[in-house]
C-alpha cells in the first residue's frame, strides 16, 4: 500500500492523478514545493474522509508508528510529541527534527500530514530524514498563501541508523544577489525588487540556493528561500534569517543585519510589505570535508 501511495505522490507532479487507487490521494491543483531543501517529495493535497477534511495515517500510507493527530490551537500544540521529535511553528510554517534519545534508531520512511483549511498537505519522505523546515498546509486560493495550521500528524517507521560519521560544517554569511551596499566595502548585497528568483550566495562565492520574490498581492510580497544540498540554517544563532526592506536605494555603508526590522526569525518563507529593495541575510552552515 505504501508503494502505491508514493507512486501517486510522484505522479501528481507530472500528470493528473487517476482515480484507480480508491480515490484516496485525490491530488488537487495548488500543490506547492517544500520550502527547505529536504528528502521530502513535493506535497500531495489530500481531502480526508473524516469530519473537516482531517487526514489519517491510514489514508496516507502504511506506517508502523504515529504521533496521532495533535491540534494547534491558541498558539500551542494540544498534545505531546513522541520522544525524539522537536516541532515548532509560527502558525503557518512548520519546522521539525528527530533525534533518537538512544542514538540507535532513525526515521526510515515517513509522511507528515499538515492540516489547514478544508484539506491537508502530505509530505512524503520515502528515504527518511532527520529534519525539515517551512512545510505548510495547502494554499488558500483566496489569498495565495497557505492556510493556517489546524493540526499535525507524523506517520513513520524507525530503523537502525547507518553507522556514518557526522558531517562537518563551516559557518557562512549569505546574502541574496544584487548590488553591493558599498562597492569598495564588504561584499554584503541588496536585491532590487523584481518578481522571480535570485541566487543566494554564501561566503561570497558559494551558490547556497535561491531566493524567490513573489508578485505583489495586496501590498505584500512573499519571500521564499530554498537552500541547496549541503547548506542549512545555523540554528545556534538566534534569528538566522534577517530581512530589511527599503523604498529608496539603500545607504552606501556596511549594513548591520542585527538591526534589520522587516523580518527577523528562522522561517524560510515569509510574507512582508512590498518594498523597492530588500536586504536578505542568512546565517548558514556549509558542509565541508572533515579534517
Protein backbone atom coordinates (compact mmCIF):
# COMPACT_ATOMS: atom_id res chain seq x y z
CA UNK A 1 0.00 0.00 0.00
CA UNK A 2 2.81 2.38 0.86
CA UNK A 3 4.44 1.93 -2.54
CA UNK A 4 1.16 2.74 -4.27
CA UNK A 5 0.78 5.91 -2.23
CA UNK A 6 4.32 7.06 -3.06
CA UNK A 7 3.81 6.31 -6.76
CA UNK A 8 0.85 8.64 -6.87
CA UNK A 9 2.69 11.26 -4.87
CA UNK A 10 5.34 11.42 -7.58
CA UNK A 11 2.88 11.09 -10.47
CA UNK A 12 0.93 14.08 -9.20
CA UNK A 13 3.91 16.24 -10.09
CA UNK A 14 3.70 15.50 -13.81
CA UNK A 15 0.18 14.32 -14.66
CA UNK A 16 -3.32 14.50 -13.32
CA UNK A 17 -3.84 11.75 -10.83
CA UNK A 18 -6.00 8.83 -11.88
CA UNK A 19 -8.68 7.62 -9.52
CA UNK A 20 -7.67 3.98 -9.66
CA UNK A 21 -6.37 3.86 -6.11
CA UNK A 22 -9.71 4.13 -4.32
CA UNK A 23 -9.54 7.94 -4.78
CA UNK A 24 -7.59 8.10 -1.51
CA UNK A 25 -4.97 10.62 -2.61
CA UNK A 26 -7.13 12.96 -4.69
CA UNK A 27 -4.30 15.42 -5.59
CA UNK A 28 -5.59 18.88 -6.49
CA UNK A 29 -4.18 21.97 -8.11
CA UNK A 30 -2.26 24.35 -5.92
CA UNK A 31 0.41 21.88 -4.82
CA UNK A 32 3.40 23.83 -3.53
CA UNK A 33 7.06 22.89 -3.33
CA UNK A 34 8.74 22.32 0.03
CA UNK A 35 10.45 25.48 1.19
CA UNK A 36 13.50 23.83 2.66
CA UNK A 37 15.93 21.51 0.95
CA UNK A 38 14.86 18.14 2.30
CA UNK A 39 14.25 14.49 1.47
CA UNK A 40 10.51 15.17 1.02
CA UNK A 41 8.68 14.72 -2.25
CA UNK A 42 6.54 17.69 -3.34
CA UNK A 43 3.46 17.63 -1.11
CA UNK A 44 0.21 15.97 -2.14
CA UNK A 45 -3.10 17.63 -1.30
CA UNK A 46 -5.49 15.19 0.35
CA UNK A 47 -9.04 15.87 1.47
CA UNK A 48 -9.68 13.28 4.15
CA UNK A 49 -12.88 11.30 4.60
CA UNK A 50 -13.12 12.44 8.21
CA UNK A 51 -15.01 15.49 9.50
CA UNK A 52 -13.38 18.77 8.50
CA UNK A 53 -11.10 17.11 5.96
CA UNK A 54 -8.73 15.63 8.56
CA UNK A 55 -6.37 13.01 7.14
CA UNK A 56 -5.28 9.85 8.95
CA UNK A 57 -2.07 7.84 8.67
CA UNK A 58 -4.13 5.00 7.20
CA UNK A 59 -5.16 7.32 4.36
CA UNK A 60 -1.58 8.48 3.84
CA UNK A 61 0.03 5.04 3.67
CA UNK A 62 1.22 2.05 5.69
CA UNK A 63 3.29 3.06 8.73
CA UNK A 64 4.01 1.26 11.98
CA UNK A 65 4.12 4.35 14.23
CA UNK A 66 2.16 7.57 14.55
CA UNK A 67 2.22 10.68 16.69
CA UNK A 68 -1.55 10.80 16.46
CA UNK A 69 -3.32 13.95 15.32
CA UNK A 70 -2.21 16.87 17.50
CA UNK A 71 -4.28 20.04 17.22
CA UNK A 72 -2.75 23.51 17.13
CA UNK A 73 -4.93 25.99 18.97
CA UNK A 74 -4.25 29.38 20.52
CA UNK A 75 -0.57 29.32 19.58
CA UNK A 76 0.21 25.95 21.22
CA UNK A 77 0.05 22.27 20.35
CA UNK A 78 -2.55 20.47 22.44
CA UNK A 79 -0.55 17.30 22.97
CA UNK A 80 2.92 15.83 23.45
CA UNK A 81 5.13 14.68 20.60
CA UNK A 82 6.73 11.24 20.69
CA UNK A 83 10.20 11.06 22.22
CA UNK A 84 12.84 12.40 19.86
CA UNK A 85 10.62 14.85 17.95
CA UNK A 86 11.12 18.60 18.22
CA UNK A 87 8.40 20.63 16.49
CA UNK A 88 7.90 24.39 16.18
CA UNK A 89 5.58 26.62 14.16
CA UNK A 90 4.59 30.23 13.68
CA UNK A 91 1.03 29.12 12.98
CA UNK A 92 1.67 28.61 9.25
CA UNK A 93 5.16 27.20 8.67
CA UNK A 94 6.24 24.03 10.48
CA UNK A 95 9.80 23.05 11.40
CA UNK A 96 10.55 19.58 12.72
CA UNK A 97 13.51 17.44 13.66
CA UNK A 98 14.03 13.95 15.04
CA UNK A 99 16.88 12.68 17.19
CA UNK A 100 16.58 9.26 18.77
CA UNK A 101 17.08 9.57 22.53
CA UNK A 102 19.35 6.49 22.48
CA UNK A 103 21.10 7.33 19.22
CA UNK A 104 20.25 3.96 17.70
CA UNK A 105 17.12 4.45 15.57
CA UNK A 106 16.50 6.73 12.59
CA UNK A 107 13.41 7.51 10.53
CA UNK A 108 13.30 5.07 7.64
CA UNK A 109 10.07 6.21 5.95
CA UNK A 110 7.63 8.93 6.92
CA UNK A 111 4.64 11.04 5.96
CA UNK A 112 3.87 14.35 7.66
CA UNK A 113 0.25 15.47 7.49
CA UNK A 114 -0.09 19.26 7.70
CA UNK A 115 -3.79 20.12 8.02
CA UNK A 116 -5.22 23.59 7.42
CA UNK A 117 -8.41 24.82 5.78
CA UNK A 118 -10.56 22.11 4.14
CA UNK A 119 -7.70 19.71 3.33
CA UNK A 120 -4.12 18.75 4.16
CA UNK A 121 -0.69 18.63 2.60
CA UNK A 122 1.01 15.26 2.99
CA UNK A 123 4.80 15.42 2.76
CA UNK A 124 6.32 12.00 1.95
CA UNK A 125 9.88 11.15 2.98
CA UNK A 126 10.45 7.74 1.32
CA UNK A 127 14.18 7.83 2.13
CA UNK A 128 13.65 9.05 5.65
CA UNK A 129 15.08 12.24 7.07
CA UNK A 130 16.01 13.92 10.31
CA UNK A 131 14.57 17.42 9.84
CA UNK A 132 12.74 19.84 7.59
CA UNK A 133 11.67 23.46 7.74
CA UNK A 134 8.88 25.59 6.32
CA UNK A 135 6.35 22.89 5.44
CA UNK A 136 2.78 24.17 5.30
CA UNK A 137 -0.88 23.34 4.81
CA UNK A 138 -2.31 23.79 1.28
CA UNK A 139 -2.57 27.18 -0.39
CA UNK A 140 -5.70 29.23 0.24
CA UNK A 141 -6.85 30.20 -3.28
CA UNK A 142 -8.40 33.42 -1.96
CA UNK A 143 -5.13 34.75 -0.56
CA UNK A 144 -2.40 32.90 -2.46
CA UNK A 145 -0.78 31.95 0.87
CA UNK A 146 -1.01 28.78 2.97
CA UNK A 147 -3.93 28.15 5.30
CA UNK A 148 -3.17 28.47 9.00
CA UNK A 149 -2.16 25.26 10.75
CA UNK A 150 -5.05 23.27 12.25
CA UNK A 151 -3.32 20.04 13.24
CA UNK A 152 -0.23 17.97 12.54
CA UNK A 153 0.43 14.24 12.34
CA UNK A 154 3.66 12.26 11.92
CA UNK A 155 3.34 8.76 10.40
CA UNK A 156 6.65 6.91 10.37
CA UNK A 157 8.81 3.81 10.64
CA UNK A 158 12.00 3.58 12.68
CA UNK A 159 15.02 1.59 11.50
CA UNK A 160 18.56 1.10 12.87
CA UNK A 161 20.76 4.06 11.97
CA UNK A 162 23.57 3.62 9.49
CA UNK A 163 27.00 3.92 11.08
CA UNK A 164 28.16 7.08 9.32
CA UNK A 165 30.44 9.81 10.55
CA UNK A 166 28.68 13.05 11.37
CA UNK A 167 29.26 15.69 8.67
CA UNK A 168 31.36 18.77 9.34
CA UNK A 169 30.10 22.29 8.77
CA UNK A 170 31.55 25.77 8.46
CA UNK A 171 29.78 28.99 9.42
CA UNK A 172 28.88 31.16 6.45
CA UNK A 173 27.20 34.53 5.94
CA UNK A 174 24.79 34.58 3.00
CA UNK A 175 23.15 37.40 1.01
CA UNK A 176 20.60 37.41 -1.80
CA UNK A 177 22.29 38.51 -5.02
CA UNK A 178 22.37 42.11 -6.14
CA UNK A 179 24.48 45.29 -5.99
CA UNK A 180 26.85 45.79 -3.08
CA UNK A 181 25.87 48.21 -0.35
CA UNK A 182 29.43 49.57 -0.58
CA UNK A 183 31.18 48.99 -3.91
CA UNK A 184 34.58 49.11 -2.18
CA UNK A 185 33.49 47.79 1.21
CA UNK A 186 32.48 44.32 2.33
CA UNK A 187 30.58 42.09 -0.06
CA UNK A 188 27.10 42.50 1.53
CA UNK A 189 24.47 42.90 -1.21
CA UNK A 190 20.88 44.09 -1.55
CA UNK A 191 18.29 42.97 -4.09
CA UNK A 192 16.19 45.33 -6.24
CA UNK A 193 12.61 44.09 -6.25
CA UNK A 194 11.59 42.10 -9.31
CA UNK A 195 9.29 39.10 -9.15
CA UNK A 196 11.33 35.93 -9.69
CA UNK A 197 14.42 34.11 -8.42
CA UNK A 198 17.85 35.40 -7.46
CA UNK A 199 20.86 33.38 -6.27
CA UNK A 200 21.66 33.18 -2.57
CA UNK A 201 25.44 33.45 -2.13
CA UNK A 202 27.24 32.18 0.98
CA UNK A 203 30.76 33.33 1.75
CA UNK A 204 30.53 35.49 -1.37
CA UNK A 205 31.26 32.71 -3.88
CA UNK A 206 29.21 29.64 -2.87
CA UNK A 207 25.81 29.14 -4.50
CA UNK A 208 23.71 28.30 -1.45
CA UNK A 209 20.29 28.29 -3.11
CA UNK A 210 17.66 30.67 -4.42
CA UNK A 211 15.50 33.48 -3.10
CA UNK A 212 12.13 33.92 -4.80
CA UNK A 213 10.24 37.21 -4.64
CA UNK A 214 6.54 36.83 -5.42
CA UNK A 215 4.32 39.22 -7.30
CA UNK A 216 2.90 41.97 -5.13
CA UNK A 217 -0.50 41.00 -3.72
CA UNK A 218 -2.39 43.44 -1.53
CA UNK A 219 0.77 45.42 -0.88
CA UNK A 220 2.63 42.31 0.31
CA UNK A 221 5.44 40.17 -1.12
CA UNK A 222 6.19 36.56 -0.18
CA UNK A 223 9.89 35.75 0.03
CA UNK A 224 10.71 32.04 -0.34
CA UNK A 225 14.23 30.76 0.31
CA UNK A 226 15.30 27.34 -0.99
CA UNK A 227 18.64 26.02 0.24
CA UNK A 228 20.87 23.80 -1.90
CA UNK A 229 22.11 20.46 -0.65
CA UNK A 230 24.95 20.88 1.79
CA UNK A 231 23.59 24.09 3.31
CA UNK A 232 21.36 24.61 6.34
CA UNK A 233 20.34 27.40 8.69
CA UNK A 234 22.72 27.95 11.58
CA UNK A 235 20.14 27.41 14.30
CA UNK A 236 22.71 28.06 17.01
CA UNK A 237 22.38 31.72 16.11
CA UNK A 238 19.12 33.42 17.03
CA UNK A 239 17.15 34.89 14.13
CA UNK A 240 19.25 33.31 11.39
CA UNK A 241 17.07 34.93 8.69
CA UNK A 242 17.08 38.74 8.62
CA UNK A 243 15.36 40.95 6.04
CA UNK A 244 15.30 44.72 5.60
CA UNK A 245 13.07 46.48 3.08
CA UNK A 246 13.89 49.83 1.52
CA UNK A 247 11.70 52.17 -0.53
CA UNK A 248 14.77 54.11 -1.74
CA UNK A 249 18.23 52.90 -2.72
CA UNK A 250 19.87 51.53 0.46
CA UNK A 251 22.52 53.69 2.12
CA UNK A 252 26.06 53.06 0.92
CA UNK A 253 27.51 51.87 4.20
CA UNK A 254 28.13 48.46 5.69
CA UNK A 255 24.73 47.10 6.79
CA UNK A 256 24.06 45.84 10.31
CA UNK A 257 21.79 42.77 9.89
CA UNK A 258 21.16 42.68 13.62
CA UNK A 259 19.25 45.94 13.20
CA UNK A 260 17.11 44.72 10.28
CA UNK A 261 13.45 45.01 11.26
CA UNK A 262 11.32 43.99 8.27
CA UNK A 263 11.70 40.36 9.40
CA UNK A 264 13.91 38.51 11.87
CA UNK A 265 13.41 34.82 12.65
CA UNK A 266 14.13 31.34 11.33
CA UNK A 267 11.45 30.83 8.66
CA UNK A 268 12.39 30.25 5.03
CA UNK A 269 9.13 31.60 3.65
CA UNK A 270 7.81 34.93 4.94
CA UNK A 271 5.32 37.50 3.72
CA UNK A 272 6.40 41.11 4.19
CA UNK A 273 5.40 44.56 2.98
CA UNK A 274 6.27 45.44 -0.61
CA UNK A 275 9.46 47.48 -1.00
CA UNK A 276 11.61 48.56 -3.94
CA UNK A 277 14.73 46.94 -2.47
CA UNK A 278 15.45 44.15 0.03
CA UNK A 279 18.48 43.21 2.05
CA UNK A 280 18.17 39.44 2.70
CA UNK A 281 20.78 37.99 5.07
CA UNK A 282 21.12 34.43 6.40
CA UNK A 283 23.43 32.74 8.87
CA UNK A 284 24.18 29.35 7.31
CA UNK A 285 26.24 26.22 7.80
CA UNK A 286 28.05 24.81 4.75
CA UNK A 287 29.06 21.15 4.70
CA UNK A 288 32.82 20.74 4.29
CA UNK A 289 35.33 17.91 4.34
CA UNK A 290 36.25 16.85 7.85
CA UNK A 291 39.93 17.22 8.72
